Amino acid sequence: MENTKTALLVMDMQSSILSNVPDTQELVSNVKEAIKIARNGQIPVIYITVGFRQGMPEISTKNKVFSGIKEHMADVDMKDWIAIHPDLSPEDKDIVITKRRFSAFTGSDLEVVLRGLDIQHLVLTGVSTSGVVLSTVREAADKDYNLTIIEDCCKDGDEEVHELLMRKVFPRQADVIKINDWI
């Protein structure tokens, strides 16, 4: 039987996003460990960032969440905004993909990269649990990927929502584990 090819997704671990979430030190430390495990196991590390062109032409006034962000970010330098947290910096061999919405697939070339690498199993980390993680889990499950979520490598601004998703929603479509259980 052919081995299932795995990739680690490090999603929205941008300094600009992490600065809006309380107590991220443990999260960053855990994600750093996940990246180390992946690299040691020859598992591709794929960073997903959310970003837009200057002026955010990708955002419609019809998009409830992102149109609100657009108003506040009109003068923000996108290069700075999409910068990945310095403790989690990609290496040259890592892949960095920019998405345009919550799901890692929307507006990105993630699916093309996954096909190119023959990836069948995704291991997910990210901020926020109710944003990029939820949206990516749903879409990836619909695309028939095998999924693992590293619970303590995800965080949400609302701890109750994080717990609900990890206990009740995600187990229907993914294995939910802790960083110490990922080998």
Protein backbone atom coordinates (compact mmCIF):
# COMPACT_ATOMS: atom_id res chain seq x y z
CA MET A 1 0.00 0.00 0.00
CA GLU A 2 1.26 3.46 -0.91
CA ASN A 3 2.14 5.77 1.98
CA THR A 4 -0.12 8.75 2.40
CA LYS A 5 1.87 11.90 1.74
CA THR A 6 1.52 14.47 4.51
CA ALA A 7 2.01 18.23 4.69
CA LEU A 8 1.95 20.59 7.68
CA LEU A 9 -0.12 23.75 7.16
CA VAL A 10 0.95 26.73 9.28
CA MET A 11 -1.97 29.09 8.79
CA ASP A 12 -2.25 32.83 9.46
CA MET A 13 0.66 32.87 11.89
CA GLN A 14 1.30 36.49 10.95
CA SER A 15 2.59 38.93 13.56
CA SER A 16 -0.26 41.30 12.63
CA ILE A 17 -2.88 38.63 13.40
CA LEU A 18 -1.19 37.18 16.48
CA SER A 19 -1.01 40.66 18.00
CA ASN A 20 -4.82 40.62 18.20
CA VAL A 21 -5.00 37.33 20.11
CA PRO A 22 -4.19 37.13 23.84
CA ASP A 23 -1.47 34.87 25.26
CA THR A 24 0.15 33.53 22.08
CA GLN A 25 3.53 32.57 23.57
CA GLU A 26 2.57 28.91 24.14
CA LEU A 27 0.88 28.73 20.75
CA VAL A 28 3.96 30.04 18.94
CA SER A 29 6.17 27.64 20.91
CA ASN A 30 3.93 24.67 20.01
CA VAL A 31 3.75 25.62 16.33
CA LYS A 32 7.54 26.00 16.29
CA GLU A 33 7.77 22.44 17.65
CA ALA A 34 5.32 21.16 14.99
CA ILE A 35 7.45 22.78 12.28
CA LYS A 36 10.58 21.15 13.73
CA ILE A 37 8.87 17.72 13.80
CA ALA A 38 7.71 18.14 10.20
CA ARG A 39 11.13 19.18 8.94
CA ASN A 40 12.84 16.34 10.80
CA GLY A 41 10.33 13.91 9.24
CA GLN A 42 10.81 15.30 5.72
CA ILE A 43 7.19 16.53 5.77
CA PRO A 44 6.65 19.66 3.66
CA VAL A 45 5.86 22.79 5.66
CA ILE A 46 3.37 25.03 3.88
CA TYR A 47 2.76 28.48 5.30
CA ILE A 48 -0.59 30.07 4.50
CA THR A 49 -0.93 33.82 4.91
CA VAL A 50 -3.96 36.00 4.34
CA GLY A 51 -3.10 39.01 2.26
CA PHE A 52 -4.29 41.43 -0.35
CA ARG A 53 -2.96 43.82 -2.93
CA GLN A 54 -2.41 47.38 -1.81
CA GLY A 55 -5.85 49.00 -1.53
CA MET A 56 -7.48 45.55 -1.19
CA PRO A 57 -9.30 45.39 -4.55
CA GLU A 58 -10.13 41.71 -3.84
CA ILE A 59 -12.59 42.73 -1.14
CA SER A 60 -16.19 43.39 -2.08
CA THR A 61 -18.48 45.64 -0.07
CA LYS A 62 -20.78 42.59 0.03
CA ASN A 63 -18.31 40.64 2.19
CA LYS A 64 -19.45 41.36 5.75
CA VAL A 65 -16.18 40.51 7.53
CA PHE A 66 -13.52 41.60 5.09
CA SER A 67 -15.20 44.84 3.98
CA GLY A 68 -15.00 46.04 7.59
CA ILE A 69 -11.30 45.24 7.66
CA LYS A 70 -10.77 47.03 4.34
CA GLU A 71 -11.87 50.38 5.79
CA HIS A 72 -9.40 50.15 8.69
CA MET A 73 -6.51 48.88 6.59
CA ALA A 74 -6.56 51.27 3.63
CA ASP A 75 -3.09 52.63 4.41
CA VAL A 76 -1.50 49.46 5.81
CA ASP A 77 1.61 48.17 4.03
CA MET A 78 0.57 44.66 2.96
CA LYS A 79 4.17 43.38 2.94
CA ASP A 80 4.41 44.18 6.64
CA TRP A 81 0.90 42.91 7.36
CA ILE A 82 1.49 39.43 5.88
CA ALA A 83 4.87 38.96 7.63
CA ILE A 84 5.04 35.64 9.44
CA HIS A 85 5.93 35.73 13.16
CA PRO A 86 9.76 35.85 13.40
CA ASP A 87 9.93 32.77 15.66
CA LEU A 88 8.21 30.75 12.91
CA SER A 89 10.09 32.06 9.88
CA PRO A 90 9.99 29.89 6.77
CA GLU A 91 13.16 28.29 5.46
CA ASP A 92 14.05 28.40 1.76
CA LYS A 93 12.57 24.93 1.10
CA ASP A 94 9.24 25.82 2.75
CA ILE A 95 6.31 26.94 0.64
CA VAL A 96 4.49 30.21 1.36
CA ILE A 97 1.01 30.66 -0.11
CA THR A 98 -1.21 33.73 0.10
CA LYS A 99 -4.96 33.29 0.36
CA ARG A 100 -7.67 35.93 0.02
CA ARG A 101 -10.38 34.69 2.40
CA PHE A 102 -10.75 32.49 5.50
CA SER A 103 -10.16 29.11 3.84
CA ALA A 104 -6.57 28.31 2.89
CA PHE A 105 -7.92 27.25 -0.52
CA THR A 106 -9.85 30.41 -1.45
CA GLY A 107 -7.97 32.69 -3.78
CA SER A 108 -4.75 30.68 -3.43
CA ASP A 109 -2.86 28.04 -5.36
CA LEU A 110 -2.79 25.65 -2.40
CA GLU A 111 -4.66 22.90 -4.21
CA VAL A 112 -2.27 23.03 -7.18
CA VAL A 113 0.72 22.77 -4.82
CA LEU A 114 -0.85 19.85 -2.91
CA ARG A 115 -1.51 17.98 -6.16
CA GLY A 116 2.02 18.68 -7.34
CA LEU A 117 3.41 17.17 -4.14
CA ASP A 118 0.84 14.32 -4.17
CA ILE A 119 -0.30 15.32 -0.67
CA GLN A 120 -3.23 13.36 0.72
CA HIS A 121 -3.02 14.16 4.44
CA LEU A 122 -3.04 17.66 5.92
CA VAL A 123 -1.94 18.48 9.45
CA LEU A 124 -3.43 21.83 10.45
CA THR A 125 -2.23 24.57 12.78
CA GLY A 126 -3.47 28.13 12.86
CA VAL A 127 -5.16 31.24 14.12
CA SER A 128 -8.03 31.49 14.38
CA THR A 129 -9.80 28.23 15.12
CA SER A 130 -13.17 29.67 14.06
CA GLY A 131 -11.67 31.31 10.95
CA VAL A 132 -8.93 29.71 8.87
CA VAL A 133 -8.96 26.37 10.71
CA LEU A 134 -12.73 25.85 10.49
CA SER A 135 -12.98 27.01 6.87
CA THR A 136 -9.98 24.96 5.75
CA VAL A 137 -11.15 21.81 7.56
CA ARG A 138 -14.56 22.02 5.89
CA GLU A 139 -13.17 22.60 2.41
CA ALA A 140 -10.33 20.07 2.73
CA ALA A 141 -12.76 17.40 3.99
CA ASP A 142 -15.01 18.08 1.00
CA LYS A 143 -11.94 17.61 -1.21
CA ASP A 144 -11.30 14.20 0.42
CA TYR A 145 -8.06 15.02 2.23
CA ASN A 146 -7.24 13.08 5.40
CA LEU A 147 -7.05 15.63 8.20
CA THR A 148 -5.33 16.02 11.54
CA ILE A 149 -5.68 19.13 13.68
CA ILE A 150 -3.08 19.85 16.36
CA GLU A 151 -5.34 21.39 18.99
CA ASP A 152 -2.67 23.21 20.97
CA CYS A 153 -1.25 24.65 17.74
CA CYS A 154 -4.54 26.46 17.12
CA LYS A 155 -6.06 29.38 18.98
CA ASP A 156 -9.15 31.53 18.83
CA GLY A 157 -10.00 34.85 20.43
CA ASP A 158 -12.98 33.06 21.99
CA GLU A 159 -11.81 30.07 24.05
CA GLU A 160 -15.36 28.66 24.30
CA VAL A 161 -15.67 28.58 20.50
CA HIS A 162 -12.22 26.94 20.23
CA GLU A 163 -13.26 24.20 22.68
CA LEU A 164 -16.62 23.61 20.98
CA LEU A 165 -14.98 23.21 17.58
CA MET A 166 -12.25 20.89 18.90
CA ARG A 167 -14.67 18.68 20.90
CA LYS A 168 -17.87 18.65 18.86
CA VAL A 169 -17.30 19.81 15.28
CA PHE A 170 -13.81 18.88 14.07
CA PRO A 171 -13.80 15.21 15.21
CA ARG A 172 -16.48 14.51 12.58
CA GLN A 173 -13.99 15.29 9.82
CA ALA A 174 -10.52 15.14 11.37
CA ASP A 175 -8.37 13.58 14.04
CA VAL A 176 -7.81 16.11 16.83
CA ILE A 177 -4.53 15.61 18.68
CA LYS A 178 -2.08 17.49 20.90
CA ILE A 179 1.44 18.45 19.81
CA ASN A 180 2.94 15.77 22.10
CA ASP A 181 0.94 13.11 20.23
CA TRP A 182 2.24 14.10 16.78
CA ILE A 183 5.14 12.01 15.58
